[in-house]
C-alpha atoms as a PDB file:
ATOM      1  CA  MET A   1     143.840   1.030  32.918  1.00  0.00           C
ATOM      2  CA  SER A   2     141.967   0.418  36.074  1.00  0.00           C
ATOM      3  CA  ASP A   3     139.905  -2.751  36.390  1.00  0.00           C
ATOM      4  CA  SER A   4     137.672  -0.853  39.074  1.00  0.00           C
ATOM      5  CA  PRO A   5     133.808  -1.478  38.419  1.00  0.00           C
ATOM      6  CA  THR A   6     133.137   2.144  39.141  1.00  0.00           C
ATOM      7  CA  PHE A   7     135.237   3.201  36.372  1.00  0.00           C
ATOM      8  CA  SER A   8     132.988   5.769  34.196  1.00  0.00           C
ATOM      9  CA  LEU A   9     133.722   8.104  31.654  1.00  0.00           C
ATOM     10  CA  ASN A  10     130.311   9.976  31.659  1.00  0.00           C
ATOM     11  CA  CYS A  11     127.804  10.438  33.995  1.00  0.00           C
ATOM     12  CA  PRO A  12     124.540   9.013  32.924  1.00  0.00           C
ATOM     13  CA  LEU A  13     122.619  11.755  30.926  1.00  0.00           C
ATOM     14  CA  PRO A  14     120.299  13.457  33.373  1.00  0.00           C
ATOM     15  CA  GLU A  15     116.640  14.499  33.111  1.00  0.00           C
ATOM     16  CA  THR A  16     116.533  18.303  33.023  1.00  0.00           C
ATOM     17  CA  ASP A  17     113.457  18.516  35.014  1.00  0.00           C
ATOM     18  CA  ARG A  18     114.486  16.883  37.887  1.00  0.00           C
ATOM     19  CA  ASP A  19     113.421  18.429  41.474  1.00  0.00           C
ATOM     20  CA  HIS A  20     116.942  17.535  42.869  1.00  0.00           C
ATOM     21  CA  VAL A  21     120.552  18.489  42.081  1.00  0.00           C
ATOM     22  CA  GLU A  22     122.380  15.862  39.776  1.00  0.00           C
ATOM     23  CA  MET A  23     126.418  15.510  39.003  1.00  0.00           C
ATOM     24  CA  GLY A  24     125.566  17.023  35.710  1.00  0.00           C
ATOM     25  CA  HIS A  25     124.588  20.161  37.315  1.00  0.00           C
ATOM     26  CA  GLY A  26     128.343  20.775  38.135  1.00  0.00           C
ATOM     27  CA  SER A  27     129.470  20.638  34.254  1.00  0.00           C
ATOM     28  CA  GLY A  28     129.121  24.186  33.560  1.00  0.00           C
ATOM     29  CA  GLY A  29     126.724  23.081  30.674  1.00  0.00           C
ATOM     30  CA  LEU A  30     123.145  22.846  30.209  1.00  0.00           C
ATOM     31  CA  LEU A  31     121.911  21.762  33.619  1.00  0.00           C
ATOM     32  CA  THR A  32     124.314  24.411  35.290  1.00  0.00           C
ATOM     33  CA  HIS A  33     122.988  27.036  33.323  1.00  0.00           C
ATOM     34  CA  ARG A  34     119.358  26.237  34.031  1.00  0.00           C
ATOM     35  CA  LEU A  35     120.283  26.251  37.898  1.00  0.00           C
ATOM     36  CA  ILE A  36     121.609  29.770  37.673  1.00  0.00           C
ATOM     37  CA  GLU A  37     118.503  30.674  35.608  1.00  0.00           C
ATOM     38  CA  ASP A  38     115.760  28.984  37.514  1.00  0.00           C
ATOM     39  CA  ILE A  39     117.498  29.409  41.305  1.00  0.00           C
ATOM     40  CA  PHE A  40     120.489  31.872  41.423  1.00  0.00           C
ATOM     41  CA  ARG A  41     119.475  34.734  38.981  1.00  0.00           C
ATOM     42  CA  PRO A  42     115.995  35.053  40.398  1.00  0.00           C
ATOM     43  CA  ALA A  43     117.479  35.390  44.042  1.00  0.00           C
ATOM     44  CA  PHE A  44     120.667  37.112  43.133  1.00  0.00           C
ATOM     45  CA  ALA A  45     120.444  39.234  40.074  1.00  0.00           C
ATOM     46  CA  GLU A  46     119.739  42.700  40.301  1.00  0.00           C
ATOM     47  CA  ALA A  47     120.813  43.730  36.481  1.00  0.00           C
ATOM     48  CA  PRO A  48     120.496  41.605  33.198  1.00  0.00           C
ATOM     49  CA  GLU A  49     124.183  41.140  33.205  1.00  0.00           C
ATOM     50  CA  ASP A  50     124.607  39.934  36.556  1.00  0.00           C
ATOM     51  CA  LEU A  51     126.265  36.296  37.052  1.00  0.00           C
ATOM     52  CA  GLU A  52     127.082  36.357  33.179  1.00  0.00           C
ATOM     53  CA  HIS A  53     130.928  36.199  33.675  1.00  0.00           C
ATOM     54  CA  ASP A  54     133.631  34.770  35.428  1.00  0.00           C
ATOM     55  CA  GLY A  55     133.496  37.818  38.131  1.00  0.00           C
ATOM     56  CA  ALA A  56     131.815  40.722  39.146  1.00  0.00           C
ATOM     57  CA  CYS A  57     133.220  44.370  38.581  1.00  0.00           C
ATOM     58  CA  ILE A  58     132.090  46.957  40.932  1.00  0.00           C
ATOM     59  CA  GLU A  59     133.351  50.556  41.801  1.00  0.00           C
ATOM     60  CA  ILE A  60     134.396  51.367  45.127  1.00  0.00           C
ATOM     61  CA  GLY A  61     135.652  54.967  45.928  1.00  0.00           C
ATOM     62  CA  GLY A  62     136.077  55.720  42.216  1.00  0.00           C
ATOM     63  CA  ALA A  63     138.227  52.595  41.595  1.00  0.00           C
ATOM     64  CA  ARG A  64     137.088  49.747  39.571  1.00  0.00           C
ATOM     65  CA  ILE A  65     137.606  46.407  41.313  1.00  0.00           C
ATOM     66  CA  ALA A  66     136.918  42.780  40.131  1.00  0.00           C
ATOM     67  CA  PHE A  67     135.627  40.216  42.728  1.00  0.00           C
ATOM     68  CA  THR A  68     135.127  36.549  42.033  1.00  0.00           C
ATOM     69  CA  THR A  69     135.002  33.229  44.155  1.00  0.00           C
ATOM     70  CA  ASP A  70     135.231  29.471  43.190  1.00  0.00           C
ATOM     71  CA  SER A  71     135.310  25.944  44.893  1.00  0.00           C
ATOM     72  CA  TYR A  72     137.568  23.410  43.741  1.00  0.00           C
ATOM     73  CA  VAL A  73     136.552  19.594  44.649  1.00  0.00           C
ATOM     74  CA  VAL A  74     138.943  17.890  42.062  1.00  0.00           C
ATOM     75  CA  ARG A  75     139.422  14.136  42.283  1.00  0.00           C
ATOM     76  CA  PRO A  76     142.318  12.778  42.943  1.00  0.00           C
ATOM     77  CA  LEU A  77     144.077  16.106  44.803  1.00  0.00           C
ATOM     78  CA  PHE A  78     147.061  15.118  43.082  1.00  0.00           C
ATOM     79  CA  PHE A  79     147.786  14.980  39.317  1.00  0.00           C
ATOM     80  CA  GLU A  80     150.376  15.373  36.409  1.00  0.00           C
ATOM     81  CA  GLY A  81     151.105  19.089  36.235  1.00  0.00           C
ATOM     82  CA  GLY A  82     149.489  20.300  39.472  1.00  0.00           C
ATOM     83  CA  ASP A  83     147.041  19.776  42.616  1.00  0.00           C
ATOM     84  CA  ILE A  84     143.942  21.100  44.308  1.00  0.00           C
ATOM     85  CA  GLY A  85     146.209  23.898  45.832  1.00  0.00           C
ATOM     86  CA  THR A  86     147.568  24.925  42.381  1.00  0.00           C
ATOM     87  CA  LEU A  87     143.894  24.812  40.822  1.00  0.00           C
ATOM     88  CA  ALA A  88     142.551  27.184  43.823  1.00  0.00           C
ATOM     89  CA  VAL A  89     144.961  29.764  43.076  1.00  0.00           C
ATOM     90  CA  ASN A  90     145.467  29.723  39.284  1.00  0.00           C
ATOM     91  CA  GLY A  91     141.569  29.233  39.025  1.00  0.00           C
ATOM     92  CA  THR A  92     140.818  32.468  41.104  1.00  0.00           C
ATOM     93  CA  VAL A  93     143.640  34.643  39.371  1.00  0.00           C
ATOM     94  CA  ASN A  94     142.404  33.517  36.334  1.00  0.00           C
ATOM     95  CA  ASP A  95     138.875  34.356  36.512  1.00  0.00           C
ATOM     96  CA  LEU A  96     139.867  37.887  37.552  1.00  0.00           C
ATOM     97  CA  ALA A  97     142.131  38.091  34.509  1.00  0.00           C
ATOM     98  CA  MET A  98     139.105  37.401  32.489  1.00  0.00           C
ATOM     99  CA  CYS A  99     137.613  40.414  33.678  1.00  0.00           C
ATOM    100  CA  GLY A 100     140.224  42.616  32.615  1.00  0.00           C
ATOM    101  CA  ALA A 101     141.636  42.840  35.884  1.00  0.00           C
ATOM    102  CA  ARG A 102     145.363  42.508  37.639  1.00  0.00           C
ATOM    103  CA  PRO A 103     144.898  40.340  40.646  1.00  0.00           C
ATOM    104  CA  ILE A 104     145.933  41.663  44.022  1.00  0.00           C
ATOM    105  CA  ALA A 105     144.739  39.479  46.969  1.00  0.00           C
ATOM    106  CA  LEU A 106     143.233  35.938  47.421  1.00  0.00           C
ATOM    107  CA  SER A 107     141.359  34.097  50.323  1.00  0.00           C
ATOM    108  CA  ALA A 108     141.511  30.247  50.800  1.00  0.00           C
ATOM    109  CA  GLY A 109     138.909  28.503  52.683  1.00  0.00           C
ATOM    110  CA  PHE A 110     139.586  24.777  53.728  1.00  0.00           C
ATOM    111  CA  VAL A 111     137.247  22.068  54.290  1.00  0.00           C
ATOM    112  CA  ILE A 112     139.186  19.173  55.344  1.00  0.00           C
ATOM    113  CA  GLU A 113     138.004  15.706  56.320  1.00  0.00           C
ATOM    114  CA  GLU A 114     138.870  14.118  59.773  1.00  0.00           C
ATOM    115  CA  GLY A 115     141.823  11.772  59.034  1.00  0.00           C
ATOM    116  CA  PHE A 116     143.376  13.913  56.114  1.00  0.00           C
ATOM    117  CA  PRO A 117     147.337  13.478  56.321  1.00  0.00           C
ATOM    118  CA  THR A 118     148.669  16.687  57.494  1.00  0.00           C
ATOM    119  CA  SER A 119     151.568  15.930  55.207  1.00  0.00           C
ATOM    120  CA  ASP A 120     149.436  16.217  52.104  1.00  0.00           C
ATOM    121  CA  LEU A 121     147.927  19.317  53.580  1.00  0.00           C
ATOM    122  CA  ALA A 122     151.308  20.708  53.942  1.00  0.00           C
ATOM    123  CA  ARG A 123     152.370  19.840  50.429  1.00  0.00           C
ATOM    124  CA  ILE A 124     148.863  21.579  49.444  1.00  0.00           C
ATOM    125  CA  ALA A 125     149.693  24.855  51.158  1.00  0.00           C
ATOM    126  CA  GLN A 126     153.348  24.975  49.707  1.00  0.00           C
ATOM    127  CA  SER A 127     151.896  24.566  46.094  1.00  0.00           C
ATOM    128  CA  MET A 128     149.539  27.443  46.788  1.00  0.00           C
ATOM    129  CA  ARG A 129     152.405  29.689  48.074  1.00  0.00           C
ATOM    130  CA  GLU A 130     154.500  28.825  44.641  1.00  0.00           C
ATOM    131  CA  ALA A 131     151.396  29.283  42.599  1.00  0.00           C
ATOM    132  CA  ALA A 132     150.524  32.820  44.366  1.00  0.00           C
ATOM    133  CA  GLN A 133     153.989  33.943  44.040  1.00  0.00           C
ATOM    134  CA  ALA A 134     154.154  32.824  40.478  1.00  0.00           C
ATOM    135  CA  ALA A 135     151.161  34.904  39.686  1.00  0.00           C
ATOM    136  CA  GLY A 136     152.305  37.876  41.578  1.00  0.00           C
ATOM    137  CA  VAL A 137     149.233  37.723  44.018  1.00  0.00           C
ATOM    138  CA  ARG A 138     149.051  37.127  47.936  1.00  0.00           C
ATOM    139  CA  LEU A 139     146.952  35.071  50.090  1.00  0.00           C
ATOM    140  CA  VAL A 140     145.695  37.467  52.802  1.00  0.00           C
ATOM    141  CA  THR A 141     142.946  35.614  54.652  1.00  0.00           C
ATOM    142  CA  GLY A 142     141.271  32.251  54.900  1.00  0.00           C
ATOM    143  CA  ASP A 143     139.078  30.016  56.962  1.00  0.00           C
ATOM    144  CA  THR A 144     139.397  26.268  58.199  1.00  0.00           C
ATOM    145  CA  LYS A 145     136.835  23.741  58.930  1.00  0.00           C
ATOM    146  CA  VAL A 146     136.787  20.163  59.887  1.00  0.00           C
ATOM    147  CA  VAL A 147     134.204  17.578  58.981  1.00  0.00           C
ATOM    148  CA  GLU A 148     133.387  14.287  60.413  1.00  0.00           C
ATOM    149  CA  ARG A 149     135.478  11.058  58.903  1.00  0.00           C
ATOM    150  CA  GLY A 150     133.651  10.066  55.595  1.00  0.00           C
ATOM    151  CA  LYS A 151     131.711  13.264  55.147  1.00  0.00           C
ATOM    152  CA  GLY A 152     134.183  15.414  53.415  1.00  0.00           C
ATOM    153  CA  ASP A 153     136.027  13.186  51.007  1.00  0.00           C
ATOM    154  CA  GLY A 154     139.421  14.609  52.117  1.00  0.00           C
ATOM    155  CA  LEU A 155     139.801  18.377  51.078  1.00  0.00           C
ATOM    156  CA  TYR A 156     137.654  21.113  49.439  1.00  0.00           C
ATOM    157  CA  ILE A 157     139.015  24.282  48.838  1.00  0.00           C
ATOM    158  CA  ASN A 158     137.348  27.731  48.353  1.00  0.00           C
ATOM    159  CA  SER A 159     139.180  30.517  46.894  1.00  0.00           C
ATOM    160  CA  SER A 160     138.031  34.243  46.350  1.00  0.00           C
ATOM    161  CA  GLY A 161     139.850  37.081  45.136  1.00  0.00           C
ATOM    162  CA  ILE A 162     140.125  40.571  44.195  1.00  0.00           C
ATOM    163  CA  GLY A 163     141.933  42.865  41.583  1.00  0.00           C
ATOM    164  CA  GLU A 164     141.973  46.173  39.863  1.00  0.00           C
ATOM    165  CA  VAL A 165     140.482  46.416  36.735  1.00  0.00           C
ATOM    166  CA  MET A 166     142.933  47.584  34.034  1.00  0.00           C
ATOM    167  CA  THR A 167     140.946  47.918  30.874  1.00  0.00           C
ATOM    168  CA  PRO A 168     139.337  51.185  29.874  1.00  0.00           C
ATOM    169  CA  GLN A 169     135.880  49.488  28.839  1.00  0.00           C
ATOM    170  CA  LEU A 170     134.249  46.558  30.404  1.00  0.00           C
ATOM    171  CA  VAL A 171     135.435  43.153  29.165  1.00  0.00           C
ATOM    172  CA  SER A 172     131.890  41.269  28.866  1.00  0.00           C
ATOM    173  CA  PRO A 173     129.968  38.855  26.696  1.00  0.00           C
ATOM    174  CA  ARG A 174     127.789  41.549  25.992  1.00  0.00           C
ATOM    175  CA  ARG A 175     130.433  43.353  24.139  1.00  0.00           C
ATOM    176  CA  VAL A 176     130.893  40.751  21.648  1.00  0.00           C
ATOM    177  CA  ARG A 177     130.040  41.892  17.938  1.00  0.00           C
ATOM    178  CA  PRO A 178     129.702  40.645  14.539  1.00  0.00           C
ATOM    179  CA  GLY A 179     133.177  40.699  12.985  1.00  0.00           C
ATOM    180  CA  ASP A 180     135.046  39.939  16.017  1.00  0.00           C
ATOM    181  CA  ALA A 181     137.668  37.317  15.515  1.00  0.00           C
ATOM    182  CA  ILE A 182     138.070  34.494  18.141  1.00  0.00           C
ATOM    183  CA  VAL A 183     141.834  34.002  19.332  1.00  0.00           C
ATOM    184  CA  LEU A 184     142.631  30.846  21.383  1.00  0.00           C
ATOM    185  CA  SER A 185     145.592  31.065  23.545  1.00  0.00           C
ATOM    186  CA  GLY A 186     146.996  27.625  23.432  1.00  0.00           C
ATOM    187  CA  ASP A 187     146.306  23.705  22.801  1.00  0.00           C
ATOM    188  CA  ILE A 188     143.150  22.413  24.683  1.00  0.00           C
ATOM    189  CA  GLY A 189     142.258  19.441  26.895  1.00  0.00           C
ATOM    190  CA  ARG A 190     145.449  18.733  28.641  1.00  0.00           C
ATOM    191  CA  HIS A 191     143.791  19.503  32.333  1.00  0.00           C
ATOM    192  CA  GLY A 192     140.968  17.022  31.878  1.00  0.00           C
ATOM    193  CA  MET A 193     143.098  14.030  30.272  1.00  0.00           C
ATOM    194  CA  ALA A 194     145.578  14.829  33.189  1.00  0.00           C
ATOM    195  CA  VAL A 195     143.237  14.425  35.819  1.00  0.00           C
ATOM    196  CA  MET A 196     141.328  11.580  34.197  1.00  0.00           C
ATOM    197  CA  ALA A 197     144.831   9.743  34.003  1.00  0.00           C
ATOM    198  CA  ALA A 198     145.353  10.545  37.811  1.00  0.00           C
ATOM    199  CA  ARG A 199     142.063   9.291  38.685  1.00  0.00           C
ATOM    200  CA  GLU A 200     141.755   5.916  36.657  1.00  0.00           C
ATOM    201  CA  GLY A 201     145.598   4.785  36.439  1.00  0.00           C
ATOM    202  CA  LEU A 202     145.474   5.174  32.643  1.00  0.00           C
ATOM    203  CA  GLY A 203     149.243   4.916  31.582  1.00  0.00           C
ATOM    204  CA  PHE A 204     149.405   7.595  28.256  1.00  0.00           C
ATOM    205  CA  GLU A 205     152.705   7.875  27.050  1.00  0.00           C
ATOM    206  CA  PRO A 206     153.892  10.445  26.834  1.00  0.00           C
ATOM    207  CA  PRO A 207     152.177  11.354  30.200  1.00  0.00           C
ATOM    208  CA  ILE A 208     149.865  14.412  29.538  1.00  0.00           C
ATOM    209  CA  ALA A 209     150.311  17.040  32.300  1.00  0.00           C
ATOM    210  CA  SER A 210     147.703  19.589  33.268  1.00  0.00           C
ATOM    211  CA  ASP A 211     148.009  23.027  31.604  1.00  0.00           C
ATOM    212  CA  CYS A 212     147.400  24.805  34.945  1.00  0.00           C
ATOM    213  CA  ALA A 213     149.000  28.363  35.046  1.00  0.00           C
ATOM    214  CA  PRO A 214     147.922  31.760  35.441  1.00  0.00           C
ATOM    215  CA  LEU A 215     146.914  33.602  32.799  1.00  0.00           C
ATOM    216  CA  ALA A 216     146.905  37.360  34.416  1.00  0.00           C
ATOM    217  CA  ALA A 217     150.434  38.328  32.709  1.00  0.00           C
ATOM    218  CA  CYS A 218     149.265  37.325  29.468  1.00  0.00           C
ATOM    219  CA  VAL A 219     146.068  39.499  29.783  1.00  0.00           C
ATOM    220  CA  ALA A 220     148.084  42.335  31.322  1.00  0.00           C
ATOM    221  CA  LYS A 221     150.265  42.534  27.818  1.00  0.00           C
ATOM    222  CA  LEU A 222     147.208  42.656  25.813  1.00  0.00           C
ATOM    223  CA  VAL A 223     145.886  45.489  27.773  1.00  0.00           C
ATOM    224  CA  GLU A 224     149.655  47.154  27.542  1.00  0.00           C
ATOM    225  CA  GLN A 225     149.468  46.841  23.858  1.00  0.00           C
ATOM    226  CA  GLY A 226     146.174  48.823  23.775  1.00  0.00           C
ATOM    227  CA  ILE A 227     144.115  45.861  22.230  1.00  0.00           C
ATOM    228  CA  ASP A 228     140.247  46.310  22.801  1.00  0.00           C
ATOM    229  CA  LEU A 229     139.288  43.384  24.872  1.00  0.00           C
ATOM    230  CA  HIS A 230     135.541  42.745  24.022  1.00  0.00           C
ATOM    231  CA  CYS A 231     135.428  39.534  25.897  1.00  0.00           C
ATOM    232  CA  LEU A 232     137.900  37.137  27.523  1.00  0.00           C
ATOM    233  CA  ARG A 233     136.730  33.689  28.936  1.00  0.00           C
ATOM    234  CA  ASP A 234     138.956  30.890  30.505  1.00  0.00           C
ATOM    235  CA  LEU A 235     138.053  27.249  29.238  1.00  0.00           C
ATOM    236  CA  THR A 236     137.379  25.543  32.441  1.00  0.00           C
ATOM    237  CA  ARG A 237     134.263  22.982  32.985  1.00  0.00           C
ATOM    238  CA  GLY A 238     132.707  22.139  29.870  1.00  0.00           C
ATOM    239  CA  GLY A 239     135.664  23.438  27.759  1.00  0.00           C
ATOM    240  CA  LEU A 240     135.885  25.462  24.684  1.00  0.00           C
ATOM    241  CA  ALA A 241     132.709  24.450  23.259  1.00  0.00           C
ATOM    242  CA  THR A 242     130.715  25.378  26.213  1.00  0.00           C
ATOM    243  CA  ALA A 243     132.666  28.414  27.027  1.00  0.00           C
ATOM    244  CA  LEU A 244     131.554  30.104  23.281  1.00  0.00           C
ATOM    245  CA  VAL A 245     128.326  28.636  23.202  1.00  0.00           C
ATOM    246  CA  GLU A 246     127.739  30.491  26.464  1.00  0.00           C
ATOM    247  CA  ILE A 247     128.877  33.634  24.952  1.00  0.00           C
ATOM    248  CA  ALA A 248     127.193  33.507  21.740  1.00  0.00           C
ATOM    249  CA  GLN A 249     123.921  33.028  23.724  1.00  0.00           C
ATOM    250  CA  THR A 250     124.617  36.085  25.959  1.00  0.00           C
ATOM    251  CA  ALA A 251     125.514  38.222  23.082  1.00  0.00           C
ATOM    252  CA  GLY A 252     123.021  37.109  20.736  1.00  0.00           C
ATOM    253  CA  VAL A 253     125.481  36.447  17.789  1.00  0.00           C
ATOM    254  CA  ALA A 254     126.398  33.260  15.703  1.00  0.00           C
ATOM    255  CA  MET A 255     129.973  31.965  15.927  1.00  0.00           C
ATOM    256  CA  ARG A 256     131.963  29.849  13.258  1.00  0.00           C
ATOM    257  CA  LEU A 257     134.974  28.002  14.227  1.00  0.00           C
ATOM    258  CA  GLU A 258     137.406  25.982  11.893  1.00  0.00           C
ATOM    259  CA  GLN A 259     138.138  22.632  13.475  1.00  0.00           C
ATOM    260  CA  ALA A 260     141.482  22.439  11.319  1.00  0.00           C
ATOM    261  CA  ALA A 261     142.722  25.529  13.090  1.00  0.00           C
ATOM    262  CA  ILE A 262     141.900  24.545  16.820  1.00  0.00           C
ATOM    263  CA  PRO A 263     145.222  23.427  18.465  1.00  0.00           C
ATOM    264  CA  VAL A 264     144.815  19.579  20.219  1.00  0.00           C
ATOM    265  CA  SER A 265     148.321  17.792  21.081  1.00  0.00           C
ATOM    266  CA  GLU A 266     148.676  14.665  19.705  1.00  0.00           C
ATOM    267  CA  PRO A 267     148.757  13.052  23.104  1.00  0.00           C
ATOM    268  CA  VAL A 268     145.420  14.462  23.970  1.00  0.00           C
ATOM    269  CA  ARG A 269     143.802  13.496  20.594  1.00  0.00           C
ATOM    270  CA  GLY A 270     144.904  10.056  20.897  1.00  0.00           C
ATOM    271  CA  ALA A 271     143.487   9.907  24.679  1.00  0.00           C
ATOM    272  CA  CYS A 272     140.117  11.481  23.676  1.00  0.00           C
ATOM    273  CA  GLU A 273     140.029   9.025  20.723  1.00  0.00           C
ATOM    274  CA  ILE A 274     140.445   5.744  22.947  1.00  0.00           C
ATOM    275  CA  LEU A 275     138.189   7.091  25.719  1.00  0.00           C
ATOM    276  CA  GLY A 276     135.319   8.515  23.433  1.00  0.00           C
ATOM    277  CA  LEU A 277     135.479  12.231  24.419  1.00  0.00           C
ATOM    278  CA  ASP A 278     135.334  15.162  22.426  1.00  0.00           C
ATOM    279  CA  PRO A 279     138.460  17.672  23.428  1.00  0.00           C
ATOM    280  CA  LEU A 280     136.350  20.748  22.483  1.00  0.00           C
ATOM    281  CA  TYR A 281     134.176  19.884  25.777  1.00  0.00           C
ATOM    282  CA  VAL A 282     137.418  18.674  28.009  1.00  0.00           C
ATOM    283  CA  ALA A 283     138.269  21.258  30.710  1.00  0.00           C
ATOM    284  CA  ASN A 284     141.607  23.460  30.663  1.00  0.00           C
ATOM    285  CA  GLU A 285     143.092  25.352  33.281  1.00  0.00           C
ATOM    286  CA  GLY A 286     145.304  27.542  31.465  1.00  0.00           C
ATOM    287  CA  ARG A 287     143.695  28.414  28.057  1.00  0.00           C
ATOM    288  CA  PHE A 288     141.393  31.190  27.261  1.00  0.00           C
ATOM    289  CA  ALA A 289     139.349  32.805  24.295  1.00  0.00           C
ATOM    290  CA  ALA A 290     139.866  36.456  23.553  1.00  0.00           C
ATOM    291  CA  LEU A 291     137.107  37.793  21.062  1.00  0.00           C
ATOM    292  CA  VAL A 292     138.452  41.109  19.438  1.00  0.00           C
ATOM    293  CA  PRO A 293     137.879  43.363  16.817  1.00  0.00           C
ATOM    294  CA  ALA A 294     138.860  41.625  13.631  1.00  0.00           C
ATOM    295  CA  GLN A 295     141.753  44.400  12.595  1.00  0.00           C
ATOM    296  CA  GLU A 296     143.146  43.560  15.984  1.00  0.00           C
ATOM    297  CA  ALA A 297     143.089  39.769  15.836  1.00  0.00           C
ATOM    298  CA  GLU A 298     146.917  39.469  14.319  1.00  0.00           C
ATOM    299  CA  ARG A 299     148.457  41.613  17.337  1.00  0.00           C
ATOM    300  CA  THR A 300     146.201  39.547  19.808  1.00  0.00           C
ATOM    301  CA  LEU A 301     147.718  36.548  18.315  1.00  0.00           C
ATOM    302  CA  ALA A 302     151.109  37.757  18.413  1.00  0.00           C
ATOM    303  CA  VAL A 303     150.957  38.500  22.226  1.00  0.00           C
ATOM    304  CA  LEU A 304     149.675  35.103  22.916  1.00  0.00           C
ATOM    305  CA  ARG A 305     152.228  33.426  21.057  1.00  0.00           C
ATOM    306  CA  GLU A 306     154.905  35.223  23.313  1.00  0.00           C
ATOM    307  CA  PHE A 307     153.516  32.913  26.190  1.00  0.00           C
ATOM    308  CA  ASP A 308     152.257  30.052  24.322  1.00  0.00           C
ATOM    309  CA  ALA A 309     153.524  28.959  20.434  1.00  0.00           C
ATOM    310  CA  ALA A 310     150.264  27.036  19.904  1.00  0.00           C
ATOM    311  CA  ALA A 311     148.015  30.058  20.288  1.00  0.00           C
ATOM    312  CA  ALA A 312     145.742  30.391  17.112  1.00  0.00           C
ATOM    313  CA  ILE A 313     143.037  32.643  15.419  1.00  0.00           C
ATOM    314  CA  ILE A 314     140.266  29.794  15.505  1.00  0.00           C
ATOM    315  CA  GLY A 315     136.984  31.597  14.099  1.00  0.00           C
ATOM    316  CA  THR A 316     134.843  34.560  13.673  1.00  0.00           C
ATOM    317  CA  VAL A 317     131.553  36.159  14.824  1.00  0.00           C
ATOM    318  CA  ALA A 318     128.770  36.634  12.707  1.00  0.00           C
ATOM    319  CA  GLU A 319     125.149  37.743  12.805  1.00  0.00           C
ATOM    320  CA  GLY A 320     122.852  35.262  14.541  1.00  0.00           C
ATOM    321  CA  ALA A 321     121.010  34.265  17.394  1.00  0.00           C
ATOM    322  CA  GLY A 322     123.046  32.532  19.884  1.00  0.00           C
ATOM    323  CA  SER A 323     124.696  29.610  17.959  1.00  0.00           C
ATOM    324  CA  VAL A 324     128.020  28.034  17.366  1.00  0.00           C
ATOM    325  CA  ALA A 325     129.052  26.128  14.077  1.00  0.00           C
ATOM    326  CA  LEU A 326     132.256  24.065  13.726  1.00  0.00           C
ATOM    327  CA  GLN A 327     133.470  23.662  10.398  1.00  0.00           C
ATOM    328  CA  THR A 328     135.087  20.244   9.443  1.00  0.00           C
ATOM    329  CA  LEU A 329     136.180  18.853   6.422  1.00  0.00           C
ATOM    330  CA  GLY A 330     133.125  17.062   6.151  1.00  0.00           C
ATOM    331  CA  GLY A 331     130.701  19.908   6.749  1.00  0.00           C
ATOM    332  CA  SER A 332     129.565  22.167   9.497  1.00  0.00           C
ATOM    333  CA  TYR A 333     127.700  21.133  12.434  1.00  0.00           C
ATOM    334  CA  ALA A 334     126.273  22.908  15.484  1.00  0.00           C
ATOM    335  CA  LEU A 335     127.962  22.769  19.079  1.00  0.00           C
ATOM    336  CA  ASP A 336     125.760  22.942  21.885  1.00  0.00           C
ATOM    337  CA  LEU A 337     125.985  22.954  25.869  1.00  0.00           C
ATOM    338  CA  MET A 338     126.336  19.311  27.526  1.00  0.00           C
ATOM    339  CA  ALA A 339     123.148  18.228  28.976  1.00  0.00           C
ATOM    340  CA  GLY A 340     125.526  15.790  31.269  1.00  0.00           C
ATOM    341  CA  GLU A 341     129.251  15.816  32.100  1.00  0.00           C
ATOM    342  CA  GLN A 342     132.129  14.063  30.275  1.00  0.00           C
ATOM    343  CA  LEU A 343     134.136  14.328  33.286  1.00  0.00           C
ATOM    344  CA  PRO A 344     133.017  15.045  36.953  1.00  0.00           C
ATOM    345  CA  ARG A 345     134.798  16.535  39.530  1.00  0.00           C
ATOM    346  CA  ILE A 346     137.775  18.004  37.260  1.00  0.00           C
ATOM    347  CA  CYS A 347     138.311  21.193  39.390  1.00  0.00           C
END
């Protein structure tokens, strides 16, 4: 473990009424939610459902198109199982897939700090090329900016994407209904732990590799099977717990999760115990939750297990008012949005 005096597993818990941006505003949790509700929704939203999902679905000439954008500020830039380039491609592809869309094309914008090694930039560009080829998508346009030394932390990437919506009905949190099943596509927590290990020089044995991967092929198979996908959500910042709380609050439902059913690998479980982290809140970059009618849960699970044997049915949706409860051996307790951020700069 690093002896660095700056080593920290958690950002200090921020006050929620500050008049300036905190690191916690980037957590995907409570402060991010308030930033959206207090600043971005009043400025940009034209309908109640705007800014509620991983991307927007729009109609152009009778065609339904999904559009999304994301920025990547991960530190360090390279980690076990990927780098900032694979994150940028797979993250954007996955946001399109969560809209029920087949990704078509991506853009890439680079903000590069003066002095950044061109060998590292070439390595990242190659990673992006390989990730795009694996996902069956093209990088078709982009932009490059250079900022002064000390002003850019090496490299930031913004990636946007468009895709063709494949589903006959909208895939959205607002379609979640009591009785739905919650199906998880694989084990959780590996991306966050891989980045933390690289950042702080933590020698986990065996090494924990990020789950960073494209999800579009898996979603396409679900669509091909005719499964009614009420909602899909990839489990990035804030992890599984944050994603499900957000969906429950938007849909106005209650969710009941079975802790024993949620797959967490032993290396990740052990690392989280050592570091005092909850794997339910640790970021993933190749995992998603599917909310589907109960009668389609087993078919959904069968498809997901073609891609990852750890996929599992982890809970159900019930009548309620925006709550998520985790059933454990010792009882049941409520999950909520994080106020701060367990692991900053994770994607």
